[in-house]
N, C-alpha and C. Protein backbone atom coordinates (compact mmCIF):
# COMPACT_ATOMS: atom_id res chain seq x y z
N UNK A 1 0.85 -1.16 0.00
CA UNK A 1 0.00 0.00 0.00
C UNK A 1 0.89 1.22 0.00
N UNK A 2 0.56 2.21 -0.78
CA UNK A 2 1.29 3.47 -0.78
C UNK A 2 0.51 4.48 0.02
N UNK A 3 1.19 5.13 0.94
CA UNK A 3 0.55 6.11 1.80
C UNK A 3 1.21 7.46 1.55
N UNK A 4 0.42 8.49 1.21
CA UNK A 4 1.03 9.81 1.07
C UNK A 4 1.63 10.25 2.39
N UNK A 5 2.86 10.73 2.35
CA UNK A 5 3.52 11.20 3.56
C UNK A 5 2.74 12.33 4.20
N UNK A 6 1.95 13.06 3.41
CA UNK A 6 1.15 14.14 3.97
C UNK A 6 0.18 13.64 5.03
N UNK A 7 -0.14 12.35 4.99
CA UNK A 7 -1.02 11.78 6.00
C UNK A 7 -0.24 11.41 7.26
N UNK A 8 1.06 11.40 7.17
CA UNK A 8 1.90 11.11 8.32
C UNK A 8 2.34 12.43 8.93
N UNK A 9 2.45 12.47 10.21
CA UNK A 9 2.83 13.72 10.86
C UNK A 9 4.24 14.12 10.46
N UNK A 10 4.42 15.40 10.15
CA UNK A 10 5.75 15.94 9.90
C UNK A 10 6.30 15.73 8.50
N UNK A 11 5.47 15.35 7.55
CA UNK A 11 5.95 15.12 6.19
C UNK A 11 5.16 15.93 5.19
N UNK A 12 5.77 16.20 4.05
CA UNK A 12 5.09 16.95 2.98
C UNK A 12 3.99 16.11 2.35
N UNK A 13 2.94 16.78 1.92
CA UNK A 13 1.80 16.08 1.33
C UNK A 13 2.14 15.40 0.01
N UNK A 14 3.19 15.83 -0.66
CA UNK A 14 3.51 15.27 -1.97
C UNK A 14 4.40 14.03 -1.89
N UNK A 15 4.97 13.74 -0.75
CA UNK A 15 5.83 12.57 -0.59
C UNK A 15 4.98 11.34 -0.32
N UNK A 16 5.49 10.17 -0.70
CA UNK A 16 4.77 8.93 -0.39
C UNK A 16 5.74 7.93 0.23
N UNK A 17 5.18 6.98 0.94
CA UNK A 17 5.95 5.89 1.52
C UNK A 17 5.22 4.60 1.18
N UNK A 18 5.97 3.58 0.90
CA UNK A 18 5.36 2.27 0.59
C UNK A 18 5.28 1.47 1.88
N UNK A 19 4.08 1.04 2.22
CA UNK A 19 3.86 0.23 3.41
C UNK A 19 3.51 -1.17 2.96
N UNK A 20 4.28 -2.14 3.42
CA UNK A 20 4.02 -3.53 3.05
C UNK A 20 2.71 -3.98 3.67
N UNK A 21 1.93 -4.77 2.92
CA UNK A 21 0.70 -5.31 3.47
C UNK A 21 1.09 -6.22 4.64
N UNK A 22 0.80 -5.81 5.86
CA UNK A 22 1.35 -6.50 7.02
C UNK A 22 0.80 -7.90 7.25
N UNK A 23 -0.36 -8.22 6.73
CA UNK A 23 -0.93 -9.54 7.03
C UNK A 23 -0.49 -10.62 6.06
N UNK A 24 0.32 -10.30 5.07
CA UNK A 24 0.72 -11.29 4.08
C UNK A 24 1.79 -12.26 4.58
N UNK A 25 2.65 -11.82 5.47
CA UNK A 25 3.75 -12.69 5.88
C UNK A 25 3.82 -12.90 7.39
N UNK A 26 2.80 -12.47 8.12
CA UNK A 26 2.77 -12.66 9.57
C UNK A 26 1.44 -13.29 9.94
N UNK A 27 1.33 -13.75 11.18
CA UNK A 27 0.07 -14.34 11.59
C UNK A 27 -0.99 -13.25 11.81
N UNK A 28 -2.23 -13.67 11.93
CA UNK A 28 -3.34 -12.73 12.01
C UNK A 28 -3.21 -11.77 13.19
N UNK A 29 -2.80 -12.28 14.33
CA UNK A 29 -2.70 -11.42 15.52
C UNK A 29 -1.63 -10.35 15.34
N UNK A 30 -0.50 -10.71 14.75
CA UNK A 30 0.54 -9.72 14.48
C UNK A 30 0.05 -8.68 13.48
N UNK A 31 -0.71 -9.12 12.49
CA UNK A 31 -1.27 -8.20 11.50
C UNK A 31 -2.23 -7.22 12.17
N UNK A 32 -3.11 -7.74 13.02
CA UNK A 32 -4.04 -6.86 13.75
C UNK A 32 -3.28 -5.85 14.59
N UNK A 33 -2.24 -6.31 15.27
CA UNK A 33 -1.43 -5.40 16.08
C UNK A 33 -0.81 -4.30 15.23
N UNK A 34 -0.36 -4.66 14.03
CA UNK A 34 0.23 -3.68 13.12
C UNK A 34 -0.79 -2.63 12.72
N UNK A 35 -1.99 -3.07 12.32
CA UNK A 35 -3.03 -2.12 11.94
C UNK A 35 -3.42 -1.23 13.12
N UNK A 36 -3.55 -1.82 14.30
CA UNK A 36 -3.91 -1.04 15.49
C UNK A 36 -2.83 -0.01 15.82
N UNK A 37 -1.57 -0.42 15.68
CA UNK A 37 -0.47 0.51 15.95
C UNK A 37 -0.50 1.67 14.97
N UNK A 38 -0.71 1.39 13.68
CA UNK A 38 -0.80 2.45 12.69
C UNK A 38 -1.92 3.43 13.07
N UNK A 39 -3.07 2.89 13.43
CA UNK A 39 -4.20 3.75 13.81
C UNK A 39 -3.90 4.53 15.09
N UNK A 40 -3.39 3.86 16.11
CA UNK A 40 -3.13 4.51 17.39
C UNK A 40 -2.06 5.59 17.30
N UNK A 41 -1.09 5.39 16.41
CA UNK A 41 -0.04 6.39 16.20
C UNK A 41 -0.46 7.44 15.18
N UNK A 42 -1.68 7.34 14.72
CA UNK A 42 -2.26 8.25 13.72
C UNK A 42 -1.42 8.28 12.44
N UNK A 43 -0.98 7.10 12.04
CA UNK A 43 -0.23 6.95 10.79
C UNK A 43 -1.19 6.45 9.72
N UNK A 44 -1.37 7.23 8.70
CA UNK A 44 -2.22 6.88 7.55
C UNK A 44 -3.69 6.74 7.90
N UNK A 45 -4.14 7.37 8.99
CA UNK A 45 -5.55 7.25 9.37
C UNK A 45 -6.48 7.93 8.38
N UNK A 46 -5.95 8.79 7.53
CA UNK A 46 -6.76 9.42 6.51
C UNK A 46 -6.76 8.66 5.20
N UNK A 47 -6.10 7.52 5.17
CA UNK A 47 -5.96 6.71 3.95
C UNK A 47 -6.95 5.54 3.99
N UNK A 48 -7.89 5.52 3.06
CA UNK A 48 -8.92 4.48 3.03
C UNK A 48 -8.32 3.09 2.89
N UNK A 49 -7.18 2.98 2.24
CA UNK A 49 -6.56 1.65 2.02
C UNK A 49 -6.21 0.96 3.34
N UNK A 50 -5.83 1.74 4.35
CA UNK A 50 -5.54 1.17 5.66
C UNK A 50 -6.75 0.41 6.18
N UNK A 51 -7.90 1.05 6.15
CA UNK A 51 -9.12 0.44 6.67
C UNK A 51 -9.62 -0.69 5.77
N UNK A 52 -9.45 -0.52 4.47
CA UNK A 52 -9.84 -1.58 3.53
C UNK A 52 -9.05 -2.85 3.80
N UNK A 53 -7.72 -2.73 3.88
CA UNK A 53 -6.88 -3.90 4.09
C UNK A 53 -7.14 -4.54 5.45
N UNK A 54 -7.33 -3.70 6.45
CA UNK A 54 -7.61 -4.21 7.80
C UNK A 54 -8.95 -4.95 7.81
N UNK A 55 -9.98 -4.38 7.20
CA UNK A 55 -11.29 -5.03 7.14
C UNK A 55 -11.21 -6.33 6.34
N UNK A 56 -10.40 -6.33 5.30
CA UNK A 56 -10.22 -7.55 4.51
C UNK A 56 -9.62 -8.66 5.36
N UNK A 57 -8.64 -8.33 6.18
CA UNK A 57 -8.05 -9.31 7.09
C UNK A 57 -9.12 -9.87 8.02
N UNK A 58 -9.92 -9.00 8.60
CA UNK A 58 -10.96 -9.46 9.53
C UNK A 58 -11.99 -10.33 8.81
N UNK A 59 -12.38 -9.93 7.63
CA UNK A 59 -13.35 -10.70 6.86
C UNK A 59 -12.82 -12.08 6.52
N UNK A 60 -11.57 -12.15 6.07
CA UNK A 60 -10.96 -13.43 5.72
C UNK A 60 -10.79 -14.33 6.94
N UNK A 61 -10.76 -13.71 8.13
CA UNK A 61 -10.64 -14.47 9.37
C UNK A 61 -11.99 -14.89 9.91
N UNK A 62 -13.06 -14.52 9.17
CA UNK A 62 -14.40 -14.87 9.61
C UNK A 62 -14.98 -13.90 10.62
N UNK A 63 -14.33 -12.78 10.82
CA UNK A 63 -14.77 -11.77 11.79
C UNK A 63 -15.51 -10.64 11.07
N UNK A 64 -16.69 -10.94 10.55
CA UNK A 64 -17.42 -9.96 9.76
C UNK A 64 -17.83 -8.74 10.58
N UNK A 65 -18.19 -8.94 11.82
CA UNK A 65 -18.54 -7.81 12.68
C UNK A 65 -17.37 -6.86 12.87
N UNK A 66 -16.18 -7.42 13.07
CA UNK A 66 -14.97 -6.59 13.20
C UNK A 66 -14.67 -5.88 11.89
N UNK A 67 -14.88 -6.56 10.78
CA UNK A 67 -14.63 -5.95 9.47
C UNK A 67 -15.51 -4.72 9.28
N UNK A 68 -16.77 -4.85 9.63
CA UNK A 68 -17.70 -3.72 9.51
C UNK A 68 -17.27 -2.59 10.45
N UNK A 69 -16.88 -2.94 11.66
CA UNK A 69 -16.43 -1.95 12.64
C UNK A 69 -15.22 -1.17 12.13
N UNK A 70 -14.28 -1.88 11.51
CA UNK A 70 -13.08 -1.24 10.97
C UNK A 70 -13.47 -0.27 9.85
N UNK A 71 -14.37 -0.69 8.97
CA UNK A 71 -14.80 0.20 7.89
C UNK A 71 -15.51 1.44 8.45
N UNK A 72 -16.28 1.27 9.51
CA UNK A 72 -16.93 2.41 10.14
C UNK A 72 -15.90 3.38 10.73
N UNK A 73 -14.81 2.83 11.28
CA UNK A 73 -13.73 3.68 11.79
C UNK A 73 -13.14 4.52 10.66
N UNK A 74 -12.94 3.89 9.52
CA UNK A 74 -12.42 4.62 8.37
C UNK A 74 -13.34 5.74 7.94
N UNK A 75 -14.64 5.46 7.96
CA UNK A 75 -15.62 6.48 7.60
C UNK A 75 -15.59 7.62 8.62
N UNK A 76 -15.52 7.28 9.91
CA UNK A 76 -15.50 8.33 10.94
C UNK A 76 -14.23 9.17 10.87
N UNK A 77 -13.14 8.58 10.38
CA UNK A 77 -11.89 9.32 10.20
C UNK A 77 -11.87 10.09 8.89
N UNK A 78 -12.94 9.92 8.10
CA UNK A 78 -13.03 10.55 6.78
C UNK A 78 -11.87 10.16 5.88
N UNK A 79 -11.51 8.89 5.96
CA UNK A 79 -10.42 8.36 5.14
C UNK A 79 -10.78 8.46 3.67
N UNK A 80 -9.81 8.81 2.88
CA UNK A 80 -10.02 9.02 1.44
C UNK A 80 -9.13 8.08 0.64
N UNK A 81 -9.61 7.66 -0.53
CA UNK A 81 -8.75 6.87 -1.42
C UNK A 81 -7.59 7.72 -1.90
N UNK A 82 -6.46 7.08 -2.10
CA UNK A 82 -5.26 7.76 -2.57
C UNK A 82 -4.88 7.19 -3.93
N UNK A 83 -4.23 7.98 -4.74
CA UNK A 83 -3.82 7.51 -6.07
C UNK A 83 -2.54 6.73 -5.99
């Protein structure tokens, strides 16, 4: 996932950083912890892809209620798709 640096504190809006999809090479719990850390540190909270990927992890784990909750968090944060 590419995250505009402008969504990260202290960086220009035109810079981007590539964030590896955290759930591809780690177990589910580590992936959840990664997503929670990103959110709690307010890293990429304005990026819809963060919430999409997190909800996808929850859905694939059979946690549909959590997936919906994550998507609602993205909506409440007014997360926007990035190019």
